[in-house]
Each structure stands twice: as C-alpha cells, then as structure tokens.
Amino acid sequence: MPRPPNYNHERKERERIKAAKKAEKLAAKAAKKQSETDEAEPRTEEEKAE
C-alpha cells in the first residue's frame, strides 16, 4: 500500500523555492541599482550645496 501524500511538506517546499527565487530577484535588483549609482557622475560642490 502506498504512503499517503504529505501535503504540508509539499507546500513548504513550494514556499521555500518561491522565497529563494524572490530573494534572488531582490538581490539582482539591488546589485543593478548599486551599479547604476556607482556609474553616475559624482555631484559637484555647487549641487551638494543646493
């Protein structure tokens, strides 16, 4: 006789995979934003005063 399915485990695995994908996307987004700010021209003293 086969074992009954463990729905709680399956649901937790789906949620874990989903959370890992979300974290990976957020990390990529943060890295992209950081690289854009690094490439931006530094502000001049006059712009900083405003």
N, C-alpha and C. Protein backbone atom coordinates (compact mmCIF):
# COMPACT_ATOMS: atom_id res chain seq x y z
N MET A 1 0.85 -1.18 0.00
CA MET A 1 0.00 0.00 0.00
C MET A 1 0.90 1.24 0.00
N PRO A 2 0.65 2.20 -0.91
CA PRO A 2 1.50 3.40 -0.96
C PRO A 2 1.25 4.31 0.24
N ARG A 3 2.26 5.09 0.50
CA ARG A 3 2.15 6.03 1.62
C ARG A 3 1.25 7.19 1.23
N PRO A 4 0.54 7.76 2.18
CA PRO A 4 -0.31 8.92 1.86
C PRO A 4 0.57 10.14 1.58
N PRO A 5 0.10 11.04 0.74
CA PRO A 5 0.90 12.22 0.43
C PRO A 5 1.04 13.15 1.63
N ASN A 6 2.19 13.78 1.71
CA ASN A 6 2.46 14.71 2.80
C ASN A 6 2.28 16.13 2.23
N TYR A 7 1.06 16.62 2.26
CA TYR A 7 0.75 17.90 1.64
C TYR A 7 1.46 19.06 2.33
N ASN A 8 1.63 18.99 3.63
CA ASN A 8 2.31 20.07 4.33
C ASN A 8 3.75 20.20 3.86
N HIS A 9 4.43 19.09 3.69
CA HIS A 9 5.81 19.12 3.21
C HIS A 9 5.88 19.68 1.80
N GLU A 10 4.97 19.26 0.93
CA GLU A 10 4.96 19.74 -0.45
C GLU A 10 4.73 21.25 -0.49
N ARG A 11 3.80 21.73 0.33
CA ARG A 11 3.51 23.17 0.38
C ARG A 11 4.71 23.95 0.88
N LYS A 12 5.37 23.45 1.92
CA LYS A 12 6.54 24.13 2.47
C LYS A 12 7.68 24.17 1.46
N GLU A 13 7.85 23.09 0.69
CA GLU A 13 8.89 23.07 -0.34
C GLU A 13 8.60 24.10 -1.43
N ARG A 14 7.34 24.20 -1.85
CA ARG A 14 6.96 25.21 -2.85
C ARG A 14 7.22 26.61 -2.32
N GLU A 15 6.85 26.87 -1.07
CA GLU A 15 7.07 28.19 -0.47
C GLU A 15 8.56 28.50 -0.32
N ARG A 16 9.36 27.48 0.02
CA ARG A 16 10.81 27.68 0.16
C ARG A 16 11.44 28.04 -1.19
N ILE A 17 11.03 27.35 -2.24
CA ILE A 17 11.55 27.63 -3.57
C ILE A 17 11.12 29.01 -4.03
N LYS A 18 9.88 29.36 -3.77
CA LYS A 18 9.36 30.68 -4.14
C LYS A 18 10.12 31.79 -3.41
N ALA A 19 10.38 31.59 -2.13
CA ALA A 19 11.12 32.58 -1.33
C ALA A 19 12.55 32.72 -1.83
N ALA A 20 13.17 31.61 -2.23
CA ALA A 20 14.54 31.66 -2.74
C ALA A 20 14.59 32.44 -4.05
N LYS A 21 13.62 32.22 -4.93
CA LYS A 21 13.56 32.95 -6.20
C LYS A 21 13.35 34.45 -5.94
N LYS A 22 12.48 34.76 -5.00
CA LYS A 22 12.20 36.16 -4.68
C LYS A 22 13.44 36.85 -4.13
N ALA A 23 14.16 36.16 -3.24
CA ALA A 23 15.39 36.73 -2.68
C ALA A 23 16.44 36.93 -3.77
N GLU A 24 16.52 35.99 -4.70
CA GLU A 24 17.49 36.12 -5.79
C GLU A 24 17.15 37.32 -6.67
N LYS A 25 15.87 37.51 -6.97
CA LYS A 25 15.45 38.65 -7.79
C LYS A 25 15.73 39.97 -7.07
N LEU A 26 15.46 40.01 -5.76
CA LEU A 26 15.72 41.24 -5.00
C LEU A 26 17.21 41.55 -4.95
N ALA A 27 18.03 40.52 -4.82
CA ALA A 27 19.47 40.72 -4.79
C ALA A 27 19.96 41.24 -6.14
N ALA A 28 19.43 40.71 -7.22
CA ALA A 28 19.81 41.17 -8.55
C ALA A 28 19.37 42.62 -8.75
N LYS A 29 18.19 42.94 -8.28
CA LYS A 29 17.68 44.30 -8.40
C LYS A 29 18.55 45.28 -7.61
N ALA A 30 18.93 44.88 -6.40
CA ALA A 30 19.78 45.73 -5.56
C ALA A 30 21.16 45.90 -6.19
N ALA A 31 21.70 44.84 -6.77
CA ALA A 31 23.00 44.92 -7.41
C ALA A 31 22.95 45.84 -8.62
N LYS A 32 21.86 45.75 -9.37
CA LYS A 32 21.71 46.62 -10.55
C LYS A 32 21.61 48.08 -10.13
N LYS A 33 20.83 48.33 -9.08
CA LYS A 33 20.67 49.70 -8.59
C LYS A 33 22.01 50.24 -8.08
N GLN A 34 22.77 49.40 -7.38
CA GLN A 34 24.08 49.81 -6.86
C GLN A 34 25.03 50.13 -8.01
N SER A 35 25.01 49.31 -9.06
CA SER A 35 25.92 49.56 -10.18
C SER A 35 25.53 50.84 -10.91
N GLU A 36 24.24 51.14 -10.97
CA GLU A 36 23.80 52.38 -11.61
C GLU A 36 24.27 53.59 -10.81
N THR A 37 24.22 53.52 -9.49
CA THR A 37 24.65 54.66 -8.68
C THR A 37 26.17 54.81 -8.73
N ASP A 38 26.90 53.71 -8.89
CA ASP A 38 28.35 53.78 -8.99
C ASP A 38 28.77 54.43 -10.30
N GLU A 39 27.99 54.19 -11.36
CA GLU A 39 28.33 54.73 -12.67
C GLU A 39 27.94 56.20 -12.81
N ALA A 40 27.03 56.67 -11.97
CA ALA A 40 26.57 58.05 -12.05
C ALA A 40 27.72 59.00 -11.75
N GLU A 41 27.63 60.17 -12.36
CA GLU A 41 28.68 61.17 -12.14
C GLU A 41 28.62 61.67 -10.70
N PRO A 42 29.76 61.88 -10.10
CA PRO A 42 29.75 62.45 -8.75
C PRO A 42 29.23 63.89 -8.80
N ARG A 43 28.50 64.27 -7.77
CA ARG A 43 27.93 65.61 -7.73
C ARG A 43 29.01 66.64 -7.43
N THR A 44 28.84 67.80 -8.00
CA THR A 44 29.80 68.87 -7.75
C THR A 44 29.47 69.53 -6.42
N GLU A 45 30.39 70.34 -5.93
CA GLU A 45 30.17 71.04 -4.65
C GLU A 45 28.96 71.95 -4.72
N GLU A 46 28.72 72.61 -5.88
CA GLU A 46 27.59 73.50 -6.01
C GLU A 46 26.27 72.73 -5.91
N GLU A 47 26.20 71.55 -6.53
CA GLU A 47 24.98 70.76 -6.47
C GLU A 47 24.73 70.24 -5.07
N LYS A 48 25.80 69.93 -4.33
CA LYS A 48 25.64 69.44 -2.97
C LYS A 48 25.09 70.53 -2.07
N ALA A 49 25.44 71.80 -2.32
CA ALA A 49 25.02 72.91 -1.50
C ALA A 49 23.52 73.17 -1.67
N GLU A 50 22.94 72.83 -2.81
CA GLU A 50 21.52 73.10 -3.07
C GLU A 50 20.61 72.18 -2.38
